[in-house]
Structure formats: structure tokens, C-alpha cells
Amino acid sequence: MEHIEQLSQNPKAAKKKQSAAGQKRSNEVSNQKWAIISLSSIPLVMTLGNSMLIPVLPSMEKELSISSFQSSMIITVYSIVAIFLIPVAGYLSDHIGRKKVIIPSLIIAGIGGLISGWAAWKLDDAYWLLLAGRALQGVGAAGAAPIVMPLVGDMFKNDDDVSSCLGLIETSNTFGKVLSPILGAFLAGFIWFLPFFSFPVFCLISVFLMIFLVKSPKSTEKKVPFKVFFANVKKTFTEKGRWLYAIFFIGGILMLVLFGILFYLSEIFEKEYGIKDIKKGFFLALPLGALCFSSFVAGKIIKKNKVLMKWLTFGGIVAAALSIAGLWLSIKLWYMISMFVISGIGIGLGLPCLDALITEGVEKKERGTITSIYNSMRFIGVAAGPPIIAVLMKYSNHWIFILLSSLSIIGAIVALISIKPRKEA
């Protein structure tokens, strides 16, 4: 219909109209520039709060006299708590407002970081209180980063603007993953528990940015009663469940593969190759830098082209699967890093596409809840990756590569079969 309408108009008038619409969208994004930067700080901070500890895990094992599996739980407990609370935070954000959920959540996350840092600093047997602090960080994480996606969807009416901004948000997330190992290793080089104390500082910065630079769009719609809201969500899953479930599953798989890779590299660099401290942080940042770059590129090019989103996701997952499978041939240092760089590129291509598909494909009223369930699935992957790899490392590296590549292949098949944008999105 769009094309028929355009043909029926005067070509010059149509072109002028399109130009004016494009200028309006450009101005809208420009006016929200600082708000976008402020929102981007939240996934960056939440990523730092988790991934910053990955290069420090071997040091924690020595300082706290714990096993590799126990150290993996320092990452996992953060995610397990978030898994259950993210849907609650999403529902609340749909009803009381996004900022009213995000700001208290950032404060709670910062308090959790203080508790973990204090336990590591002052207590001889710090492990369990440290875990409690990490759990509190997970509570805060549940109401912070996952709510950014629906807030971006609320702020812009045009799908191109939403896709572009979500690409920047995902890039910020992945940039946090790049920065995390370097910053974590750098801070731990002074005092091993310093990364815990740095996290509240980052949270406080995000709180001030949210308060002063982000204005939530005013909603003129009446609040929907819970029963009606639940019925609407159920209807959404009935009508769009096939591709929604697929995106949930793929998001979880990609995070499991990514955090499995990071945990494996952190352990293998230090124990097999003697790579420690800031050098280790830079080595870990290589595949994450590739992930960040490909996320940025994908976010720029997808616009509102859902077909392109599907094929970039599929191609990226296949690239990740093949590169991990390639580690069967050798695990020499630079070959291994090269294969994981390719994996990072593949995962980075998929993530902003999944974000855009799910944000643009869901009504605004249910967007917070649906995207929160999606983020819960991603956190399941984050939670599962490190302990699974810790267990498999007791046996053979090949089992790690078999598992991660097999899961990636399954994810690619699900994307191919279940995401059909022409028909459903």
C-alpha cells in the first residue's frame, strides 16, 4: 500500500514529504542525544558489575580458598536472582513507569557491591556474605538494564530510530564486556577486591544521569488492570509465540556460549599460558572487541528490515558454531584467540537483531514484560555458562567445544525455522 500511495502522488511532493519526515526523525534523535548516552550507561554499568570479575576469578580462588566451581557461582548467583525478578521489574515498569523502577534498582545494585567488597576486605571467611552481596546486585540488575529496551521503544515512534538506538544500547553492553576484563584486571592489580568497590561508583553516575538527562515520555493511556494485562500478554504469546519463544531461546544460548567462552579463557590463560593481570584483561578483550564492533555495525544497518535481522542472526550463529568447532584442530594460543574472535563477531551480529525484533514486534503496553522475559532468558545463559564450563574443564577441552558448537547449531536451526518476519513480525 505504501508504494501505491507514493506512485499516486506527485514525485516531487512525495520526495519533499519523505525528506521532511527524515529531518523530523533526525531532529528527534538529536534532541534525545544525552538521554540515549545516559541510557547506554546502564547496560555498560551492569555488564561491568558482572564481567569485570571474570579475570579476577582465579585470584579469588586463591584468596578465598575456593574451587573453580565455587568461583563460577560468584558470577552465576548474580544472574540467578535476576532471572526471577526481571519479569516482576518489567511488569512494574509497565505500570508505574520505567524510571521509577530503574533508579531504585541502580541504588540497590550499588549497595550489593559495597556488601561484597566489605566482606572480601574485612572477613576471613568472606565467601557466603560475598555471595549475598552479589545476589543483591542481581536484584538491582533485574530492574535496571532490562528496562532500558522498552524505555527506548517508548521514546521513539519510528522503527528505524528504535533499531538504531537499540543497536547503540547493545553496543554499550558489549563495550562494557570489552572494558570489563581490562578494568577488572587493572583494579585487582592494586587490591584483588577493588572491583567490588568500584561498582557502586559506576551505579551512582548512572543514577545522576537518569535523574537529570532522561525524561520518560508521558503516557496518556489508563493503567490496565492486572487481569486484563495478563490476558493481553497471554494473547501476545498465543499470536506471536512461535517467534517470541525462538528469540528467548536464542538469546539464552548466545549468552551461555559467550560467558562459557569468557570463563574458559580466563582459566586457561592463567593456568595453561601464565597470562595474568592486565595482559590477561587485554587478551580477554580481543573477542569481546570483535563482538562490540559487529554489534555496532549490525545496529546501524538493520534499520527496520526484519528479514535482514533474521539472516544476520542466523549467519552470526553459524559463524560462531563453526569457529568453536574449529578448536578441535588446535588450541594453540593465537589460533584459539582467532577462533573466539570469529565467535564474538557472530554473537555480536545476532544480539542487536534479536533486541530489535522483540521490541518492535510487541505492543507498547506489554513491551516491558515481554522484553523482561527475554532478558531473563539471557541471564539464564549468563548463569549457566561458567558452572557448566567449570565442570567440563575437569574432563576434556573437546567436550567444551562440542557443547558450545552444538548449542550454537541448535540456535541457528531455531532461528531459521521459527523466525519468519514476512508472516509474523
Protein backbone atom coordinates (compact mmCIF):
# COMPACT_ATOMS: atom_id res chain seq x y z
CA MET A 1 0.00 0.00 0.00
CA GLU A 2 2.85 2.35 0.83
CA HIS A 3 4.28 2.03 -2.69
CA ILE A 4 0.86 2.53 -4.37
CA GLU A 5 0.26 5.70 -2.36
CA GLN A 6 3.67 7.05 -3.29
CA LEU A 7 3.10 6.39 -7.02
CA SER A 8 -0.21 8.22 -6.91
CA GLN A 9 1.44 11.34 -5.50
CA ASN A 10 3.43 13.97 -7.30
CA PRO A 11 7.04 12.64 -7.23
CA LYS A 12 8.45 15.98 -6.05
CA ALA A 13 5.82 16.29 -3.32
CA ALA A 14 6.45 12.73 -2.20
CA LYS A 15 10.19 13.31 -2.11
CA LYS A 16 9.72 16.54 -0.15
CA LYS A 17 7.41 14.78 2.29
CA GLN A 18 9.91 11.95 2.82
CA SER A 19 12.73 14.47 3.30
CA ALA A 20 10.70 16.38 5.91
CA ALA A 21 9.88 13.14 7.74
CA GLY A 22 13.53 12.13 7.70
CA GLN A 23 14.57 15.54 9.03
CA LYS A 24 11.99 15.27 11.81
CA ARG A 25 13.31 11.84 12.83
CA SER A 26 16.88 13.15 12.74
CA ASN A 27 15.92 16.07 15.00
CA GLU A 28 14.11 13.73 17.38
CA VAL A 29 17.21 11.54 17.80
CA SER A 30 19.45 14.62 18.09
CA ASN A 31 17.24 16.10 20.80
CA GLN A 32 17.44 12.85 22.77
CA LYS A 33 21.21 12.50 22.34
CA TRP A 34 22.07 12.90 26.03
CA ALA A 35 19.19 10.69 27.08
CA ILE A 36 20.48 7.93 24.78
CA ILE A 37 24.00 8.31 26.22
CA SER A 38 22.57 8.17 29.75
CA LEU A 39 20.55 5.05 29.00
CA SER A 40 23.60 3.44 27.38
CA SER A 41 25.46 3.86 30.67
CA ILE A 42 23.10 1.40 32.40
CA PRO A 43 23.88 -1.79 30.44
CA LEU A 44 27.51 -0.67 30.48
CA VAL A 45 27.49 -0.45 34.30
CA MET A 46 25.57 -3.71 34.77
CA THR A 47 27.98 -5.50 32.45
CA LEU A 48 30.93 -4.10 34.38
CA GLY A 49 29.35 -5.37 37.59
CA ASN A 50 29.45 -8.94 36.32
CA SER A 51 32.08 -9.31 33.61
CA MET A 52 34.68 -7.22 35.49
CA LEU A 53 35.07 -10.14 37.91
CA ILE A 54 35.84 -12.79 35.27
CA PRO A 55 39.61 -12.12 35.04
CA VAL A 56 39.75 -11.92 38.84
CA LEU A 57 38.18 -15.36 39.47
CA PRO A 58 41.48 -17.30 39.65
CA SER A 59 42.77 -14.76 42.22
CA MET A 60 39.55 -15.15 44.22
CA GLU A 61 40.06 -18.91 44.25
CA LYS A 62 43.43 -18.40 45.93
CA GLU A 63 42.39 -15.59 48.30
CA LEU A 64 39.15 -17.26 49.43
CA SER A 65 40.46 -20.86 49.20
CA ILE A 66 37.59 -21.95 46.94
CA SER A 67 37.26 -24.22 43.90
CA SER A 68 36.71 -23.19 40.26
CA PHE A 69 33.06 -24.20 40.55
CA GLN A 70 32.61 -22.04 43.67
CA SER A 71 34.25 -19.08 41.93
CA SER A 72 31.91 -19.56 38.96
CA MET A 73 28.99 -19.17 41.37
CA ILE A 74 30.13 -15.61 42.10
CA ILE A 75 29.10 -14.85 38.50
CA THR A 76 26.11 -17.19 38.49
CA VAL A 77 24.33 -16.08 41.68
CA TYR A 78 24.06 -12.54 40.27
CA SER A 79 22.25 -13.91 37.24
CA ILE A 80 20.07 -16.47 39.04
CA VAL A 81 18.48 -13.79 41.23
CA ALA A 82 17.97 -11.52 38.22
CA ILE A 83 16.27 -14.32 36.25
CA PHE A 84 13.33 -14.48 38.65
CA LEU A 85 12.98 -10.76 39.30
CA ILE A 86 13.31 -9.38 35.77
CA PRO A 87 9.69 -10.22 34.78
CA VAL A 88 8.47 -8.58 38.02
CA ALA A 89 10.51 -5.47 37.21
CA GLY A 90 9.14 -5.48 33.67
CA TYR A 91 5.56 -5.66 34.90
CA LEU A 92 6.17 -2.84 37.40
CA SER A 93 7.79 -0.69 34.72
CA ASP A 94 4.70 -1.10 32.52
CA HIS A 95 2.52 0.15 35.39
CA ILE A 96 4.45 2.67 37.49
CA GLY A 97 6.96 3.92 34.92
CA ARG A 98 10.42 2.93 33.67
CA LYS A 99 12.48 5.49 35.64
CA LYS A 100 10.70 4.65 38.90
CA VAL A 101 12.00 1.10 38.54
CA ILE A 102 15.46 1.82 37.07
CA ILE A 103 16.74 4.40 39.60
CA PRO A 104 15.99 2.42 42.84
CA SER A 105 17.37 -0.69 41.13
CA LEU A 106 20.69 1.04 40.42
CA ILE A 107 20.91 2.08 44.09
CA ILE A 108 20.19 -1.49 45.27
CA ALA A 109 22.85 -2.86 42.89
CA GLY A 110 25.40 -0.38 44.26
CA ILE A 111 24.63 -1.42 47.87
CA GLY A 112 25.18 -5.05 46.85
CA GLY A 113 28.61 -4.15 45.50
CA LEU A 114 29.50 -2.44 48.80
CA ILE A 115 28.47 -5.52 50.80
CA SER A 116 30.58 -7.84 48.63
CA GLY A 117 33.57 -5.53 48.81
CA TRP A 118 33.30 -5.11 52.58
CA ALA A 119 33.05 -8.89 53.09
CA ALA A 120 36.12 -9.53 50.94
CA TRP A 121 38.05 -6.78 52.76
CA LYS A 122 37.13 -7.43 56.39
CA LEU A 123 36.13 -11.09 56.83
CA ASP A 124 38.32 -14.17 56.99
CA ASP A 125 35.51 -16.41 55.75
CA ALA A 126 34.03 -13.95 53.25
CA TYR A 127 32.62 -16.26 50.58
CA TRP A 128 29.00 -16.56 51.74
CA LEU A 129 28.47 -12.89 52.57
CA LEU A 130 30.20 -12.01 49.32
CA LEU A 131 27.64 -14.21 47.53
CA ALA A 132 24.83 -12.45 49.42
CA GLY A 133 26.12 -9.09 48.19
CA ARG A 134 26.28 -10.46 44.66
CA ALA A 135 22.68 -11.66 44.99
CA LEU A 136 21.65 -8.13 45.99
CA GLN A 137 23.49 -6.83 42.93
CA GLY A 138 21.37 -9.26 40.91
CA VAL A 139 18.21 -7.76 42.44
CA GLY A 140 19.33 -4.34 41.23
CA ALA A 141 20.40 -5.65 37.83
CA ALA A 142 16.91 -7.12 37.30
CA GLY A 143 15.31 -3.68 37.42
CA ALA A 144 17.99 -1.71 35.59
CA ALA A 145 19.43 -2.92 32.26
CA PRO A 146 16.38 -4.98 31.08
CA ILE A 147 14.07 -1.94 31.42
CA VAL A 148 16.24 0.14 29.08
CA MET A 149 14.98 -1.70 25.99
CA PRO A 150 11.25 -0.92 26.48
CA LEU A 151 12.12 2.65 27.52
CA VAL A 152 13.92 3.18 24.19
CA GLY A 153 10.86 1.73 22.45
CA ASP A 154 8.68 4.27 24.30
CA MET A 155 10.88 7.24 23.45
CA PHE A 156 10.79 6.93 19.65
CA LYS A 157 7.86 6.45 17.30
CA ASN A 158 9.90 5.49 14.24
CA ASP A 159 11.12 1.88 13.94
CA ASP A 160 14.41 2.98 12.32
CA ASP A 161 15.18 5.19 15.32
CA VAL A 162 14.30 2.38 17.74
CA SER A 163 16.55 -0.12 15.89
CA SER A 164 19.42 2.36 15.67
CA CYS A 165 19.22 3.29 19.37
CA LEU A 166 18.88 -0.34 20.45
CA GLY A 167 21.99 -1.05 18.40
CA LEU A 168 23.81 1.66 20.38
CA ILE A 169 22.48 0.22 23.65
CA GLU A 170 23.65 -3.27 22.70
CA THR A 171 27.00 -1.81 21.62
CA SER A 172 27.29 -0.14 25.03
CA ASN A 173 26.54 -3.51 26.61
CA THR A 174 29.21 -5.21 24.53
CA PHE A 175 31.66 -2.32 25.06
CA GLY A 176 31.19 -2.97 28.76
CA LYS A 177 32.24 -6.54 28.11
CA VAL A 178 35.34 -5.29 26.27
CA LEU A 179 36.25 -2.85 29.01
CA SER A 180 35.40 -5.23 31.87
CA PRO A 181 38.36 -7.64 31.75
CA ILE A 182 40.85 -4.81 31.29
CA LEU A 183 39.39 -2.67 34.07
CA GLY A 184 38.82 -5.66 36.37
CA ALA A 185 42.40 -6.88 35.94
CA PHE A 186 43.75 -3.34 36.36
CA LEU A 187 41.86 -2.69 39.61
CA ALA A 188 42.61 -6.15 41.01
CA GLY A 189 46.28 -5.44 40.33
CA PHE A 190 46.13 -2.98 43.27
CA ILE A 191 43.81 -4.93 45.61
CA TRP A 192 42.01 -8.07 44.47
CA PHE A 193 38.61 -6.97 45.86
CA LEU A 194 38.77 -3.41 44.49
CA PRO A 195 36.42 -4.23 41.54
CA PHE A 196 33.59 -4.75 44.07
CA PHE A 197 34.03 -1.23 45.47
CA SER A 198 34.26 0.40 42.03
CA PHE A 199 30.81 -0.86 41.05
CA PRO A 200 28.80 1.44 43.41
CA VAL A 201 30.64 4.44 41.96
CA PHE A 202 29.53 3.50 38.44
CA CYS A 203 25.96 2.95 39.67
CA LEU A 204 25.90 6.41 41.26
CA ILE A 205 27.00 8.03 37.99
CA SER A 206 24.15 6.26 36.13
CA VAL A 207 21.65 7.35 38.79
CA PHE A 208 22.55 11.03 38.31
CA LEU A 209 22.45 10.68 34.51
CA MET A 210 18.98 9.10 34.71
CA ILE A 211 17.64 11.77 37.08
CA PHE A 212 18.84 14.80 35.16
CA LEU A 213 19.08 13.75 31.49
CA VAL A 214 16.34 11.18 30.82
CA LYS A 215 12.70 12.18 30.55
CA SER A 216 10.22 9.33 30.19
CA PRO A 217 7.50 10.06 27.63
CA LYS A 218 4.22 10.86 29.32
CA SER A 219 1.61 8.16 28.88
CA THR A 220 -1.98 9.27 28.32
CA GLU A 221 -3.26 5.70 28.46
CA LYS A 222 -5.13 4.41 31.50
CA LYS A 223 -3.44 1.74 33.61
CA VAL A 224 -4.64 -1.70 32.63
CA PRO A 225 -5.93 -3.93 35.49
CA PHE A 226 -3.75 -6.96 36.17
CA LYS A 227 -6.31 -9.47 34.85
CA VAL A 228 -6.69 -7.57 31.59
CA PHE A 229 -2.92 -7.07 31.35
CA PHE A 230 -2.32 -10.79 31.91
CA ALA A 231 -4.93 -11.63 29.25
CA ASN A 232 -3.17 -9.26 26.80
CA VAL A 233 0.22 -10.86 27.46
CA LYS A 234 -1.33 -14.31 27.01
CA LYS A 235 -2.87 -13.16 23.73
CA THR A 236 0.52 -11.85 22.58
CA PHE A 237 2.12 -15.24 23.21
CA THR A 238 -0.78 -17.02 21.51
CA GLU A 239 -0.46 -14.89 18.37
CA LYS A 240 3.32 -14.43 18.26
CA GLY A 241 4.58 -17.23 20.49
CA ARG A 242 6.46 -19.12 17.78
CA TRP A 243 9.00 -16.40 17.06
CA LEU A 244 8.98 -14.98 20.61
CA TYR A 245 9.96 -18.34 22.11
CA ALA A 246 12.60 -18.70 19.41
CA ILE A 247 14.15 -15.32 20.29
CA PHE A 248 14.05 -16.14 24.02
CA PHE A 249 15.84 -19.42 23.36
CA ILE A 250 18.45 -17.94 21.01
CA GLY A 251 19.20 -15.07 23.42
CA GLY A 252 19.83 -17.56 26.23
CA ILE A 253 22.05 -19.73 24.01
CA LEU A 254 24.19 -16.79 22.85
CA MET A 255 24.79 -15.63 26.42
CA LEU A 256 25.63 -19.17 27.58
CA VAL A 257 28.15 -19.52 24.76
CA LEU A 258 29.64 -16.07 25.39
CA PHE A 259 30.07 -16.43 29.16
CA GLY A 260 31.20 -20.02 28.75
CA ILE A 261 33.94 -18.78 26.42
CA LEU A 262 34.95 -15.98 28.81
CA PHE A 263 35.16 -18.30 31.82
CA TYR A 264 37.14 -20.87 29.83
CA LEU A 265 39.60 -18.25 28.53
CA SER A 266 40.07 -16.70 31.98
CA GLU A 267 41.01 -20.08 33.44
CA ILE A 268 43.10 -21.32 30.52
CA PHE A 269 45.07 -18.08 30.07
CA GLU A 270 46.25 -18.09 33.68
CA LYS A 271 46.67 -21.83 34.33
CA GLU A 272 47.97 -23.03 30.95
CA TYR A 273 49.72 -20.00 29.48
CA GLY A 274 50.68 -18.00 32.58
CA ILE A 275 48.92 -14.90 31.25
CA LYS A 276 47.85 -12.77 34.22
CA ASP A 277 46.77 -9.32 35.36
CA ILE A 278 46.36 -6.51 32.82
CA LYS A 279 47.81 -8.60 29.97
CA LYS A 280 45.11 -11.18 30.59
CA GLY A 281 42.50 -8.42 30.54
CA PHE A 282 43.65 -7.27 27.11
CA PHE A 283 43.64 -10.84 25.77
CA LEU A 284 40.09 -11.37 27.01
CA ALA A 285 39.09 -8.09 25.39
CA LEU A 286 40.02 -9.29 21.89
CA PRO A 287 36.95 -11.48 21.18
CA LEU A 288 34.80 -9.01 23.11
CA GLY A 289 36.09 -6.11 21.00
CA ALA A 290 35.08 -8.04 17.88
CA LEU A 291 31.65 -8.59 19.43
CA CYS A 292 31.30 -4.88 20.21
CA PHE A 293 32.25 -3.80 16.70
CA SER A 294 29.90 -6.24 14.96
CA SER A 295 27.03 -5.23 17.30
CA PHE A 296 27.58 -1.59 16.38
CA VAL A 297 27.62 -2.36 12.64
CA ALA A 298 24.53 -4.58 12.86
CA GLY A 299 22.61 -1.93 14.81
CA LYS A 300 23.42 0.64 12.11
CA ILE A 301 22.45 -1.44 9.07
CA ILE A 302 19.33 -3.35 10.15
CA LYS A 303 17.01 -0.30 10.30
CA LYS A 304 13.51 -1.87 10.33
CA ASN A 305 14.40 -4.66 7.89
CA LYS A 306 13.22 -7.71 9.82
CA VAL A 307 14.26 -10.10 7.06
CA LEU A 308 17.82 -8.80 7.31
CA MET A 309 17.62 -9.18 11.11
CA LYS A 310 16.75 -12.86 10.72
CA TRP A 311 19.57 -13.64 8.30
CA LEU A 312 22.20 -11.69 10.22
CA THR A 313 21.19 -13.61 13.35
CA PHE A 314 21.31 -16.94 11.53
CA GLY A 315 24.63 -16.19 9.81
CA GLY A 316 26.22 -14.91 13.00
CA ILE A 317 25.26 -18.01 14.99
CA VAL A 318 26.54 -20.32 12.23
CA ALA A 319 29.87 -18.42 12.20
CA ALA A 320 30.12 -18.84 15.99
CA ALA A 321 29.33 -22.57 15.77
CA LEU A 322 31.91 -23.24 13.03
CA SER A 323 34.68 -21.24 14.73
CA ILE A 324 34.18 -23.05 18.05
CA ALA A 325 34.09 -26.40 16.23
CA GLY A 326 37.38 -25.38 14.61
CA LEU A 327 39.07 -25.59 18.03
CA TRP A 328 39.00 -29.37 17.62
CA LEU A 329 42.00 -28.88 15.32
CA SER A 330 44.18 -26.94 17.78
CA ILE A 331 44.13 -24.88 20.98
CA LYS A 332 47.41 -23.09 20.35
CA LEU A 333 47.12 -19.61 21.84
CA TRP A 334 46.70 -17.35 18.80
CA TYR A 335 44.68 -19.86 16.80
CA MET A 336 42.33 -20.23 19.76
CA ILE A 337 42.01 -16.47 20.18
CA SER A 338 41.33 -16.09 16.43
CA MET A 339 38.53 -18.63 16.55
CA PHE A 340 36.96 -16.91 19.56
CA VAL A 341 37.24 -13.54 17.78
CA ILE A 342 35.14 -15.00 14.94
CA SER A 343 32.69 -16.31 17.56
CA GLY A 344 32.49 -12.82 19.03
CA ILE A 345 31.71 -11.32 15.63
CA GLY A 346 28.94 -13.88 15.11
CA ILE A 347 27.34 -13.31 18.51
CA GLY A 348 27.64 -9.54 18.06
CA LEU A 349 25.74 -9.68 14.78
CA GLY A 350 22.85 -11.54 16.39
CA LEU A 351 22.25 -9.62 19.60
CA PRO A 352 21.02 -6.23 18.27
CA CYS A 353 18.84 -8.04 15.72
CA LEU A 354 17.13 -10.02 18.48
CA ASP A 355 16.66 -6.84 20.53
CA ALA A 356 15.04 -5.02 17.61
CA LEU A 357 12.81 -7.93 16.58
CA ILE A 358 11.36 -8.31 20.05
CA THR A 359 10.99 -4.60 20.84
CA GLU A 360 9.35 -3.66 17.56
CA GLY A 361 7.17 -6.78 17.38
CA VAL A 362 5.35 -6.24 20.68
CA GLU A 363 2.68 -3.69 21.66
CA LYS A 364 3.89 -0.89 23.94
CA LYS A 365 1.55 -1.92 26.79
CA GLU A 366 3.20 -5.34 27.15
CA ARG A 367 6.68 -4.35 25.95
CA GLY A 368 8.25 -4.09 29.41
CA THR A 369 7.03 -7.53 30.44
CA ILE A 370 7.88 -9.33 27.17
CA THR A 371 11.36 -7.82 26.89
CA SER A 372 11.92 -8.64 30.57
CA ILE A 373 11.15 -12.31 29.95
CA TYR A 374 13.62 -12.17 27.06
CA ASN A 375 16.26 -10.65 29.34
CA SER A 376 15.55 -13.35 31.92
CA MET A 377 16.41 -15.95 29.28
CA ARG A 378 19.64 -14.11 28.53
CA PHE A 379 20.50 -14.15 32.23
CA ILE A 380 19.83 -17.90 32.33
CA GLY A 381 22.57 -18.23 29.72
CA VAL A 382 24.89 -16.00 31.74
CA ALA A 383 24.17 -18.04 34.88
CA ALA A 384 24.60 -21.43 33.21
CA GLY A 385 27.78 -20.78 31.19
CA PRO A 386 30.52 -20.55 33.88
CA PRO A 387 29.48 -23.52 36.10
CA ILE A 388 28.92 -25.80 33.09
CA ILE A 389 32.37 -24.97 31.72
CA ALA A 390 33.91 -25.35 35.22
CA VAL A 391 32.54 -28.91 35.40
CA LEU A 392 33.59 -29.82 31.83
CA MET A 393 37.14 -28.49 32.39
CA LYS A 394 37.71 -31.41 34.78
CA TYR A 395 37.47 -33.73 31.78
CA SER A 396 38.48 -32.69 28.26
CA ASN A 397 38.52 -29.40 26.38
CA HIS A 398 36.87 -31.18 23.47
CA TRP A 399 33.66 -31.62 25.47
CA ILE A 400 33.53 -27.85 25.95
CA PHE A 401 33.85 -27.25 22.22
CA ILE A 402 31.29 -29.96 21.39
CA LEU A 403 28.74 -28.46 23.78
CA LEU A 404 29.18 -24.81 22.74
CA SER A 405 29.20 -25.50 19.00
CA SER A 406 26.23 -27.91 19.25
CA LEU A 407 24.17 -25.37 21.19
CA SER A 408 25.05 -22.72 18.59
CA ILE A 409 23.93 -25.00 15.74
CA ILE A 410 20.63 -25.67 17.53
CA GLY A 411 20.18 -21.91 17.97
CA ALA A 412 20.82 -21.36 14.24
CA ILE A 413 18.26 -24.01 13.29
CA VAL A 414 15.67 -22.43 15.60
CA ALA A 415 16.32 -19.01 14.01
CA LEU A 416 15.95 -20.46 10.52
CA ILE A 417 12.72 -22.33 11.20
CA SER A 418 10.87 -20.16 13.71
CA ILE A 419 11.67 -16.53 12.86
CA LYS A 420 9.57 -15.70 9.79
CA PRO A 421 9.33 -11.91 9.62
CA ARG A 422 7.25 -11.75 6.42
CA LYS A 423 4.45 -13.68 8.06
CA GLU A 424 4.66 -12.95 11.77
CA ALA A 425 6.79 -9.97 12.74
